[in-house]
N, C-alpha and C. Protein backbone atom coordinates (compact mmCIF):
# COMPACT_ATOMS: atom_id res chain seq x y z
N MET A 1 -9.20 -25.88 -15.69
CA MET A 1 -7.95 -25.79 -14.94
C MET A 1 -7.23 -24.50 -15.33
N LYS A 2 -6.67 -23.84 -14.33
CA LYS A 2 -5.91 -22.61 -14.56
C LYS A 2 -4.51 -22.99 -15.03
N LYS A 3 -3.97 -22.18 -15.96
CA LYS A 3 -2.64 -22.44 -16.47
C LYS A 3 -1.62 -22.48 -15.31
N PHE A 4 -0.85 -23.51 -15.28
CA PHE A 4 0.22 -23.73 -14.26
C PHE A 4 -0.30 -23.83 -12.82
N GLU A 5 -1.57 -24.18 -12.67
CA GLU A 5 -2.16 -24.25 -11.33
C GLU A 5 -1.45 -25.25 -10.45
N GLU A 6 -1.31 -24.87 -9.17
CA GLU A 6 -0.75 -25.74 -8.16
C GLU A 6 -1.88 -26.11 -7.21
N LYS A 7 -2.17 -27.39 -7.11
CA LYS A 7 -3.26 -27.88 -6.28
C LYS A 7 -2.76 -28.10 -4.82
N THR A 8 -3.51 -27.56 -3.87
CA THR A 8 -3.13 -27.72 -2.48
C THR A 8 -3.53 -29.11 -1.99
N ILE A 9 -2.55 -29.82 -1.43
CA ILE A 9 -2.77 -31.14 -0.87
C ILE A 9 -3.07 -31.00 0.63
N HIS A 10 -2.29 -30.14 1.30
CA HIS A 10 -2.39 -29.94 2.75
C HIS A 10 -1.95 -28.53 3.05
N SER A 11 -2.60 -27.92 4.05
CA SER A 11 -2.26 -26.56 4.44
C SER A 11 -2.17 -26.53 5.97
N GLU A 12 -1.09 -25.91 6.45
CA GLU A 12 -0.91 -25.80 7.92
C GLU A 12 -0.59 -24.36 8.27
N GLN A 13 -1.43 -23.74 9.11
CA GLN A 13 -1.17 -22.42 9.59
C GLN A 13 -0.15 -22.52 10.72
N ILE A 14 0.95 -21.77 10.57
CA ILE A 14 2.00 -21.87 11.62
C ILE A 14 2.17 -20.59 12.42
N TYR A 15 1.51 -19.49 12.00
CA TYR A 15 1.57 -18.26 12.78
C TYR A 15 0.32 -17.44 12.49
N GLN A 16 -0.26 -16.85 13.54
CA GLN A 16 -1.37 -15.92 13.42
C GLN A 16 -1.06 -14.67 14.20
N GLY A 17 -0.83 -13.57 13.50
CA GLY A 17 -0.46 -12.33 14.16
C GLY A 17 -1.56 -11.27 14.02
N LYS A 18 -1.23 -10.06 14.45
CA LYS A 18 -2.17 -8.96 14.42
C LYS A 18 -2.41 -8.48 12.96
N VAL A 19 -1.36 -8.56 12.14
CA VAL A 19 -1.44 -8.05 10.76
C VAL A 19 -1.40 -9.17 9.72
N ILE A 20 -0.62 -10.17 9.97
CA ILE A 20 -0.43 -11.25 8.99
C ILE A 20 -0.59 -12.62 9.64
N SER A 21 -0.74 -13.62 8.79
CA SER A 21 -0.60 -15.00 9.24
C SER A 21 0.26 -15.72 8.22
N LEU A 22 0.85 -16.81 8.63
CA LEU A 22 1.77 -17.57 7.78
C LEU A 22 1.33 -19.00 7.75
N LYS A 23 1.25 -19.54 6.53
CA LYS A 23 0.91 -20.95 6.39
C LYS A 23 1.90 -21.63 5.46
N VAL A 24 1.98 -22.93 5.58
CA VAL A 24 2.80 -23.73 4.69
C VAL A 24 1.86 -24.70 3.97
N ASP A 25 1.87 -24.62 2.65
CA ASP A 25 1.02 -25.48 1.84
C ASP A 25 1.87 -26.53 1.11
N ASP A 26 1.42 -27.78 1.15
CA ASP A 26 1.98 -28.81 0.29
C ASP A 26 1.15 -28.78 -0.97
N VAL A 27 1.83 -28.71 -2.13
CA VAL A 27 1.10 -28.58 -3.41
C VAL A 27 1.57 -29.60 -4.42
N THR A 28 0.68 -29.90 -5.35
CA THR A 28 1.04 -30.70 -6.53
C THR A 28 1.28 -29.71 -7.66
N LEU A 29 2.44 -29.81 -8.28
CA LEU A 29 2.84 -28.93 -9.35
C LEU A 29 2.21 -29.38 -10.70
N PRO A 30 2.21 -28.51 -11.69
CA PRO A 30 1.64 -28.90 -12.98
C PRO A 30 2.30 -30.15 -13.61
N ASN A 31 3.55 -30.42 -13.26
CA ASN A 31 4.23 -31.61 -13.79
C ASN A 31 3.98 -32.85 -12.94
N GLY A 32 3.15 -32.74 -11.92
CA GLY A 32 2.81 -33.89 -11.07
C GLY A 32 3.69 -34.04 -9.83
N HIS A 33 4.82 -33.32 -9.77
CA HIS A 33 5.67 -33.36 -8.59
C HIS A 33 5.03 -32.58 -7.45
N GLU A 34 5.56 -32.78 -6.24
CA GLU A 34 5.07 -32.04 -5.08
C GLU A 34 6.12 -31.02 -4.60
N SER A 35 5.62 -30.00 -3.96
CA SER A 35 6.50 -28.96 -3.40
C SER A 35 5.81 -28.29 -2.22
N LYS A 36 6.55 -27.43 -1.54
CA LYS A 36 5.99 -26.65 -0.40
C LYS A 36 5.95 -25.17 -0.79
N ARG A 37 4.93 -24.50 -0.30
CA ARG A 37 4.82 -23.06 -0.51
C ARG A 37 4.58 -22.40 0.85
N GLU A 38 5.42 -21.41 1.19
CA GLU A 38 5.24 -20.60 2.39
C GLU A 38 4.45 -19.36 2.00
N ILE A 39 3.32 -19.15 2.60
CA ILE A 39 2.41 -18.08 2.15
C ILE A 39 2.05 -17.18 3.34
N VAL A 40 2.24 -15.86 3.10
CA VAL A 40 1.81 -14.87 4.05
C VAL A 40 0.42 -14.40 3.64
N ASN A 41 -0.54 -14.51 4.59
CA ASN A 41 -1.87 -13.99 4.36
C ASN A 41 -2.01 -12.63 4.99
N HIS A 42 -2.56 -11.70 4.23
CA HIS A 42 -2.72 -10.31 4.68
C HIS A 42 -4.12 -9.85 4.29
N PRO A 43 -4.81 -9.06 5.11
CA PRO A 43 -6.20 -8.69 4.78
C PRO A 43 -6.33 -7.70 3.63
N GLY A 44 -5.23 -7.19 3.15
CA GLY A 44 -5.27 -6.20 2.07
C GLY A 44 -5.10 -4.79 2.64
N ALA A 45 -4.89 -3.84 1.75
CA ALA A 45 -4.60 -2.48 2.16
C ALA A 45 -5.07 -1.52 1.11
N VAL A 46 -4.99 -0.24 1.46
CA VAL A 46 -5.20 0.84 0.50
C VAL A 46 -4.00 1.74 0.49
N ALA A 47 -3.82 2.46 -0.58
CA ALA A 47 -2.81 3.51 -0.68
C ALA A 47 -3.45 4.67 -1.38
N ILE A 48 -3.07 5.86 -1.00
CA ILE A 48 -3.68 7.04 -1.55
C ILE A 48 -2.62 7.97 -2.15
N ILE A 49 -2.94 8.48 -3.34
CA ILE A 49 -2.08 9.50 -3.99
C ILE A 49 -2.77 10.85 -3.76
N PRO A 50 -2.42 11.56 -2.67
CA PRO A 50 -3.08 12.85 -2.37
C PRO A 50 -2.34 13.97 -3.14
N ILE A 51 -3.10 14.70 -3.94
CA ILE A 51 -2.52 15.77 -4.73
C ILE A 51 -3.11 17.11 -4.28
N THR A 52 -2.24 18.04 -3.93
CA THR A 52 -2.70 19.35 -3.48
C THR A 52 -3.16 20.18 -4.68
N SER A 53 -3.80 21.31 -4.37
CA SER A 53 -4.32 22.18 -5.43
C SER A 53 -3.19 22.73 -6.31
N ASP A 54 -1.98 22.79 -5.78
CA ASP A 54 -0.84 23.27 -6.59
C ASP A 54 -0.02 22.11 -7.16
N GLY A 55 -0.62 20.91 -7.19
CA GLY A 55 -0.01 19.77 -7.88
C GLY A 55 1.09 19.03 -7.10
N LYS A 56 1.18 19.27 -5.82
CA LYS A 56 2.20 18.55 -5.04
C LYS A 56 1.63 17.24 -4.49
N LEU A 57 2.51 16.31 -4.25
CA LEU A 57 2.17 14.99 -3.71
C LEU A 57 2.37 15.03 -2.20
N VAL A 58 1.32 14.61 -1.48
CA VAL A 58 1.44 14.57 -0.01
C VAL A 58 1.96 13.19 0.36
N VAL A 59 3.08 13.15 1.07
CA VAL A 59 3.71 11.90 1.48
C VAL A 59 3.99 11.94 2.97
N VAL A 60 4.33 10.81 3.54
CA VAL A 60 4.73 10.74 4.92
C VAL A 60 6.03 10.00 5.06
N GLU A 61 6.82 10.44 5.98
CA GLU A 61 8.09 9.72 6.29
C GLU A 61 7.81 8.93 7.55
N GLN A 62 8.22 7.67 7.55
CA GLN A 62 8.07 6.86 8.74
C GLN A 62 9.14 5.76 8.77
N TYR A 63 9.41 5.29 9.96
CA TYR A 63 10.39 4.23 10.15
C TYR A 63 9.74 2.89 9.81
N ARG A 64 10.48 2.08 9.05
CA ARG A 64 10.01 0.75 8.68
C ARG A 64 11.00 -0.26 9.27
N LYS A 65 10.56 -0.94 10.31
CA LYS A 65 11.41 -1.87 11.04
C LYS A 65 11.99 -2.96 10.14
N ALA A 66 11.20 -3.45 9.20
CA ALA A 66 11.70 -4.51 8.30
C ALA A 66 12.91 -4.06 7.51
N LEU A 67 12.99 -2.77 7.20
CA LEU A 67 14.11 -2.22 6.47
C LEU A 67 15.17 -1.60 7.38
N GLU A 68 14.81 -1.41 8.67
CA GLU A 68 15.68 -0.78 9.65
C GLU A 68 16.07 0.64 9.25
N ARG A 69 15.08 1.39 8.70
CA ARG A 69 15.31 2.80 8.34
C ARG A 69 13.99 3.48 8.03
N SER A 70 14.05 4.77 7.94
CA SER A 70 12.90 5.58 7.54
C SER A 70 12.84 5.67 6.04
N ILE A 71 11.62 5.68 5.50
CA ILE A 71 11.40 5.92 4.10
C ILE A 71 10.23 6.86 3.91
N VAL A 72 10.13 7.44 2.75
CA VAL A 72 9.05 8.36 2.39
C VAL A 72 8.08 7.58 1.55
N GLU A 73 6.78 7.67 1.93
CA GLU A 73 5.74 6.88 1.23
C GLU A 73 4.47 7.71 1.05
N ILE A 74 3.62 7.25 0.15
CA ILE A 74 2.26 7.79 0.10
C ILE A 74 1.49 7.19 1.28
N PRO A 75 0.48 7.88 1.75
CA PRO A 75 -0.33 7.33 2.87
C PRO A 75 -0.95 5.99 2.49
N ALA A 76 -0.97 5.09 3.45
CA ALA A 76 -1.53 3.76 3.20
C ALA A 76 -1.92 3.14 4.52
N GLY A 77 -2.73 2.07 4.43
CA GLY A 77 -3.09 1.36 5.65
C GLY A 77 -3.86 0.11 5.37
N LYS A 78 -3.90 -0.70 6.36
CA LYS A 78 -4.54 -2.05 6.28
C LYS A 78 -6.05 -1.93 6.35
N LEU A 79 -6.71 -2.77 5.54
CA LEU A 79 -8.18 -2.86 5.58
C LEU A 79 -8.58 -3.49 6.93
N GLU A 80 -9.63 -2.96 7.51
CA GLU A 80 -10.20 -3.56 8.71
C GLU A 80 -11.24 -4.56 8.28
N PRO A 81 -11.52 -5.59 9.10
CA PRO A 81 -12.51 -6.60 8.71
C PRO A 81 -13.86 -5.97 8.30
N GLY A 82 -14.35 -6.33 7.14
CA GLY A 82 -15.66 -5.85 6.66
C GLY A 82 -15.66 -4.43 6.17
N GLU A 83 -14.54 -3.73 6.17
CA GLU A 83 -14.49 -2.33 5.80
C GLU A 83 -14.23 -2.19 4.31
N ALA A 84 -15.01 -1.33 3.64
CA ALA A 84 -14.84 -1.06 2.24
C ALA A 84 -13.52 -0.29 2.02
N PRO A 85 -12.77 -0.61 0.97
CA PRO A 85 -11.50 0.08 0.71
C PRO A 85 -11.64 1.61 0.68
N GLU A 86 -12.71 2.14 0.14
CA GLU A 86 -12.87 3.60 0.07
C GLU A 86 -12.93 4.21 1.49
N ILE A 87 -13.57 3.53 2.41
CA ILE A 87 -13.63 4.01 3.79
C ILE A 87 -12.26 3.99 4.42
N THR A 88 -11.52 2.91 4.19
CA THR A 88 -10.15 2.80 4.69
C THR A 88 -9.30 3.93 4.12
N ALA A 89 -9.43 4.19 2.84
CA ALA A 89 -8.66 5.23 2.18
C ALA A 89 -8.90 6.61 2.80
N ARG A 90 -10.15 6.92 3.03
CA ARG A 90 -10.50 8.22 3.65
C ARG A 90 -9.94 8.31 5.05
N ARG A 91 -10.06 7.22 5.82
CA ARG A 91 -9.56 7.19 7.19
C ARG A 91 -8.05 7.36 7.24
N GLU A 92 -7.34 6.60 6.39
CA GLU A 92 -5.88 6.65 6.39
C GLU A 92 -5.38 8.03 5.93
N LEU A 93 -6.04 8.61 4.94
CA LEU A 93 -5.65 9.95 4.47
C LEU A 93 -5.75 10.93 5.62
N GLU A 94 -6.83 10.89 6.36
CA GLU A 94 -7.02 11.79 7.50
C GLU A 94 -6.01 11.55 8.60
N GLU A 95 -5.85 10.27 9.01
CA GLU A 95 -4.94 9.92 10.10
C GLU A 95 -3.49 10.32 9.80
N GLU A 96 -3.04 9.99 8.60
CA GLU A 96 -1.62 10.16 8.31
C GLU A 96 -1.26 11.56 7.80
N THR A 97 -2.22 12.27 7.18
CA THR A 97 -1.87 13.57 6.62
C THR A 97 -2.60 14.75 7.25
N GLY A 98 -3.71 14.47 7.92
CA GLY A 98 -4.51 15.58 8.46
C GLY A 98 -5.41 16.19 7.42
N TYR A 99 -5.49 15.60 6.25
CA TYR A 99 -6.37 16.08 5.19
C TYR A 99 -7.58 15.18 4.98
N GLY A 100 -8.65 15.77 4.56
CA GLY A 100 -9.79 15.08 3.97
C GLY A 100 -9.79 15.40 2.50
N CYS A 101 -10.70 14.83 1.74
CA CYS A 101 -10.78 15.13 0.33
C CYS A 101 -12.20 15.15 -0.15
N HIS A 102 -12.48 16.04 -1.11
CA HIS A 102 -13.84 16.06 -1.72
C HIS A 102 -13.91 15.08 -2.89
N GLU A 103 -12.76 14.73 -3.46
CA GLU A 103 -12.75 13.80 -4.59
C GLU A 103 -11.79 12.64 -4.31
N LEU A 104 -12.32 11.45 -4.33
CA LEU A 104 -11.54 10.25 -4.14
C LEU A 104 -11.86 9.29 -5.28
N GLU A 105 -10.85 9.03 -6.10
CA GLU A 105 -11.07 8.22 -7.32
C GLU A 105 -10.28 6.90 -7.20
N TYR A 106 -10.96 5.80 -7.38
CA TYR A 106 -10.30 4.49 -7.42
C TYR A 106 -9.51 4.38 -8.71
N LEU A 107 -8.26 3.94 -8.61
CA LEU A 107 -7.45 3.73 -9.82
C LEU A 107 -7.35 2.27 -10.21
N LEU A 108 -6.82 1.45 -9.31
CA LEU A 108 -6.63 0.01 -9.60
C LEU A 108 -6.20 -0.71 -8.33
N SER A 109 -6.13 -2.02 -8.44
CA SER A 109 -5.62 -2.83 -7.33
C SER A 109 -4.46 -3.68 -7.87
N PHE A 110 -3.50 -3.98 -6.99
CA PHE A 110 -2.36 -4.78 -7.42
C PHE A 110 -1.80 -5.60 -6.26
N ALA A 111 -1.19 -6.75 -6.64
CA ALA A 111 -0.52 -7.59 -5.67
C ALA A 111 0.84 -7.01 -5.35
N THR A 112 1.22 -7.03 -4.08
CA THR A 112 2.48 -6.43 -3.67
C THR A 112 3.66 -7.39 -3.80
N SER A 113 3.48 -8.62 -3.42
CA SER A 113 4.57 -9.62 -3.44
C SER A 113 3.99 -11.00 -3.75
N PRO A 114 3.51 -11.23 -4.95
CA PRO A 114 2.76 -12.45 -5.23
C PRO A 114 3.57 -13.75 -5.15
N GLY A 115 4.87 -13.64 -5.02
CA GLY A 115 5.68 -14.84 -4.88
C GLY A 115 5.49 -15.53 -3.53
N PHE A 116 5.06 -14.75 -2.51
CA PHE A 116 4.88 -15.37 -1.18
C PHE A 116 3.75 -14.77 -0.35
N ALA A 117 3.06 -13.74 -0.87
CA ALA A 117 2.01 -13.09 -0.07
C ALA A 117 0.78 -12.84 -0.94
N ASP A 118 -0.40 -12.84 -0.27
CA ASP A 118 -1.65 -12.58 -1.00
C ASP A 118 -2.15 -11.15 -0.82
N GLU A 119 -1.31 -10.26 -0.26
CA GLU A 119 -1.72 -8.88 -0.06
C GLU A 119 -2.03 -8.19 -1.40
N VAL A 120 -3.17 -7.50 -1.41
CA VAL A 120 -3.56 -6.66 -2.55
C VAL A 120 -3.76 -5.25 -2.01
N ILE A 121 -3.20 -4.29 -2.72
CA ILE A 121 -3.39 -2.86 -2.38
C ILE A 121 -4.35 -2.24 -3.37
N HIS A 122 -5.35 -1.51 -2.84
CA HIS A 122 -6.31 -0.78 -3.65
C HIS A 122 -5.83 0.67 -3.67
N LEU A 123 -5.56 1.18 -4.86
CA LEU A 123 -4.93 2.49 -5.02
C LEU A 123 -5.97 3.55 -5.42
N TYR A 124 -5.94 4.68 -4.73
CA TYR A 124 -6.86 5.79 -4.95
C TYR A 124 -6.05 7.06 -5.17
N VAL A 125 -6.66 8.02 -5.87
CA VAL A 125 -6.09 9.39 -5.95
C VAL A 125 -7.10 10.29 -5.24
N ALA A 126 -6.54 11.16 -4.40
CA ALA A 126 -7.38 12.12 -3.63
C ALA A 126 -7.06 13.53 -4.11
N ARG A 127 -8.10 14.24 -4.48
CA ARG A 127 -7.96 15.62 -4.94
C ARG A 127 -8.94 16.50 -4.15
N ASP A 128 -8.77 17.81 -4.31
CA ASP A 128 -9.60 18.78 -3.61
C ASP A 128 -9.48 18.52 -2.12
N LEU A 129 -8.24 18.56 -1.64
CA LEU A 129 -7.93 18.30 -0.24
C LEU A 129 -8.32 19.50 0.63
N TYR A 130 -8.65 19.20 1.87
CA TYR A 130 -8.93 20.24 2.84
C TYR A 130 -8.38 19.79 4.22
N PRO A 131 -7.90 20.71 5.02
CA PRO A 131 -7.38 20.34 6.34
C PRO A 131 -8.50 19.94 7.28
N ILE A 132 -8.24 18.92 8.08
CA ILE A 132 -9.20 18.48 9.11
C ILE A 132 -8.77 19.11 10.41
N GLU A 133 -9.68 19.82 11.06
CA GLU A 133 -9.33 20.51 12.31
C GLU A 133 -9.01 19.53 13.43
N ASN A 134 -9.90 18.59 13.66
CA ASN A 134 -9.68 17.60 14.71
C ASN A 134 -9.50 16.25 14.06
N LYS A 135 -8.31 16.01 13.48
CA LYS A 135 -8.09 14.80 12.71
C LYS A 135 -8.06 13.56 13.62
N ALA A 136 -8.37 12.47 13.00
CA ALA A 136 -8.29 11.18 13.71
C ALA A 136 -6.84 10.91 14.14
N ALA A 137 -6.70 10.25 15.24
CA ALA A 137 -5.37 9.96 15.77
C ALA A 137 -4.72 8.82 15.00
N LEU A 138 -3.41 8.88 14.90
CA LEU A 138 -2.66 7.76 14.34
C LEU A 138 -2.78 6.55 15.27
N ASP A 139 -2.49 5.36 14.75
CA ASP A 139 -2.41 4.20 15.62
C ASP A 139 -1.36 4.49 16.69
N GLU A 140 -1.52 3.85 17.85
CA GLU A 140 -0.61 4.16 18.97
C GLU A 140 0.85 3.82 18.70
N ASP A 141 1.10 2.91 17.73
CA ASP A 141 2.46 2.54 17.39
C ASP A 141 2.92 3.12 16.06
N GLU A 142 2.29 4.23 15.63
CA GLU A 142 2.56 4.80 14.34
C GLU A 142 3.04 6.26 14.52
N PHE A 143 4.17 6.58 13.87
CA PHE A 143 4.78 7.88 13.96
C PHE A 143 5.15 8.32 12.53
N VAL A 144 4.56 9.43 12.07
CA VAL A 144 4.81 9.89 10.70
C VAL A 144 5.03 11.39 10.70
N GLU A 145 5.72 11.82 9.65
CA GLU A 145 5.89 13.24 9.39
C GLU A 145 5.42 13.52 7.99
N ARG A 146 4.47 14.45 7.85
CA ARG A 146 3.89 14.78 6.56
C ARG A 146 4.79 15.75 5.78
N MET A 147 4.87 15.54 4.47
CA MET A 147 5.59 16.43 3.57
C MET A 147 4.73 16.62 2.31
N GLU A 148 4.93 17.76 1.67
CA GLU A 148 4.31 17.99 0.36
C GLU A 148 5.45 18.24 -0.61
N ILE A 149 5.54 17.40 -1.63
CA ILE A 149 6.70 17.45 -2.54
C ILE A 149 6.24 17.53 -4.02
N SER A 150 7.06 18.18 -4.79
CA SER A 150 6.80 18.27 -6.22
C SER A 150 7.18 16.93 -6.89
N LEU A 151 6.75 16.74 -8.11
CA LEU A 151 7.09 15.56 -8.87
C LEU A 151 8.59 15.47 -9.02
N GLU A 152 9.25 16.56 -9.28
CA GLU A 152 10.72 16.56 -9.45
C GLU A 152 11.40 16.15 -8.11
N GLU A 153 10.92 16.64 -7.01
CA GLU A 153 11.45 16.26 -5.71
C GLU A 153 11.22 14.79 -5.47
N ALA A 154 10.07 14.28 -5.84
CA ALA A 154 9.75 12.85 -5.67
C ALA A 154 10.70 12.00 -6.48
N GLU A 155 10.92 12.38 -7.72
CA GLU A 155 11.84 11.61 -8.57
C GLU A 155 13.26 11.58 -7.99
N LYS A 156 13.67 12.71 -7.43
CA LYS A 156 15.01 12.79 -6.82
C LYS A 156 15.03 11.86 -5.58
N MET A 157 13.95 11.82 -4.82
CA MET A 157 13.91 10.96 -3.64
C MET A 157 13.95 9.47 -4.04
N VAL A 158 13.36 9.14 -5.17
CA VAL A 158 13.49 7.78 -5.68
C VAL A 158 14.93 7.46 -6.02
N ALA A 159 15.58 8.37 -6.72
CA ALA A 159 17.01 8.19 -7.10
C ALA A 159 17.91 8.03 -5.88
N GLU A 160 17.57 8.77 -4.81
CA GLU A 160 18.35 8.73 -3.58
C GLU A 160 17.88 7.64 -2.62
N GLN A 161 16.90 6.87 -3.01
CA GLN A 161 16.33 5.75 -2.25
C GLN A 161 15.69 6.21 -0.94
N GLN A 162 15.26 7.45 -0.86
CA GLN A 162 14.44 7.88 0.26
C GLN A 162 13.03 7.36 0.07
N ILE A 163 12.58 7.38 -1.20
CA ILE A 163 11.36 6.67 -1.61
C ILE A 163 11.84 5.32 -2.12
N TYR A 164 11.36 4.26 -1.48
CA TYR A 164 11.98 2.94 -1.70
C TYR A 164 10.94 1.83 -1.83
N ASP A 165 9.67 2.18 -1.80
CA ASP A 165 8.61 1.13 -1.86
C ASP A 165 7.89 1.24 -3.19
N ALA A 166 7.33 0.11 -3.63
CA ALA A 166 6.72 -0.01 -4.93
C ALA A 166 5.44 0.85 -5.08
N LYS A 167 4.64 0.92 -4.05
CA LYS A 167 3.37 1.67 -4.18
C LYS A 167 3.63 3.17 -4.40
N THR A 168 4.65 3.70 -3.74
CA THR A 168 4.97 5.12 -3.92
C THR A 168 5.63 5.35 -5.26
N ALA A 169 6.52 4.44 -5.65
CA ALA A 169 7.14 4.56 -6.99
C ALA A 169 6.04 4.53 -8.06
N TYR A 170 5.06 3.65 -7.91
CA TYR A 170 3.96 3.58 -8.83
C TYR A 170 3.20 4.88 -8.86
N ALA A 171 2.94 5.49 -7.71
CA ALA A 171 2.22 6.75 -7.62
C ALA A 171 2.95 7.85 -8.38
N ILE A 172 4.26 7.88 -8.27
CA ILE A 172 5.07 8.89 -8.96
C ILE A 172 5.00 8.67 -10.49
N LEU A 173 5.08 7.43 -10.88
CA LEU A 173 4.95 7.10 -12.31
C LEU A 173 3.58 7.53 -12.81
N TRP A 174 2.52 7.24 -12.07
CA TRP A 174 1.18 7.62 -12.45
C TRP A 174 1.07 9.13 -12.61
N MET A 175 1.62 9.88 -11.63
CA MET A 175 1.58 11.35 -11.70
C MET A 175 2.30 11.88 -12.97
N LYS A 176 3.44 11.27 -13.25
CA LYS A 176 4.23 11.69 -14.40
C LYS A 176 3.44 11.43 -15.69
N MET A 177 2.80 10.27 -15.77
CA MET A 177 2.00 9.92 -16.94
C MET A 177 0.81 10.91 -17.08
N GLN A 178 0.19 11.30 -15.98
CA GLN A 178 -0.92 12.26 -16.03
C GLN A 178 -0.47 13.60 -16.58
N LEU A 179 0.69 14.04 -16.16
CA LEU A 179 1.22 15.33 -16.65
C LEU A 179 1.54 15.24 -18.14
N ASN A 180 2.04 14.12 -18.60
CA ASN A 180 2.38 13.95 -20.01
C ASN A 180 1.14 13.89 -20.88
N CYS A 181 0.00 13.50 -20.28
CA CYS A 181 -1.26 13.37 -21.03
C CYS A 181 -2.01 14.69 -21.11
N GLN A 182 -1.57 15.68 -20.36
CA GLN A 182 -2.33 16.98 -20.34
C GLN A 182 -1.82 17.91 -21.40
């Protein structure tokens, strides 16, 4: 038995969308009592830390409806069914930034919101970037603006809440740690 495991008694899917689904699970708690859990199922995603030859971070600004504002983020995207995360990472890098890369290194995977969602993001760093002449098109409902920013500019954007998401904040922390190790 897993520590603090909650056993599912009954599960009911109440929504199936293009990106997520929502289910409500009745569970037995470790103390024997019962409770309900609302769970968002997500296919997973990738995020990429693209670093230019002069050490800048390539980011995109886009509107996030859930927040009702634009934020600056590292490139990222949803895994397609049966698609390997590395393939998704290369595709999203090209679509969102117009760059390809000769070096793509897997860093780690992490849960984004484990209190209610099963989404896991696979994080990569992309180096030795090159421009793609005929880049893949963005999704029809996706609008982004590419920027290349220094670590100092990125930290300022975090302080000003222009960078507001965990994956991008993690990317900045990772970059800072890399610089401190050199």
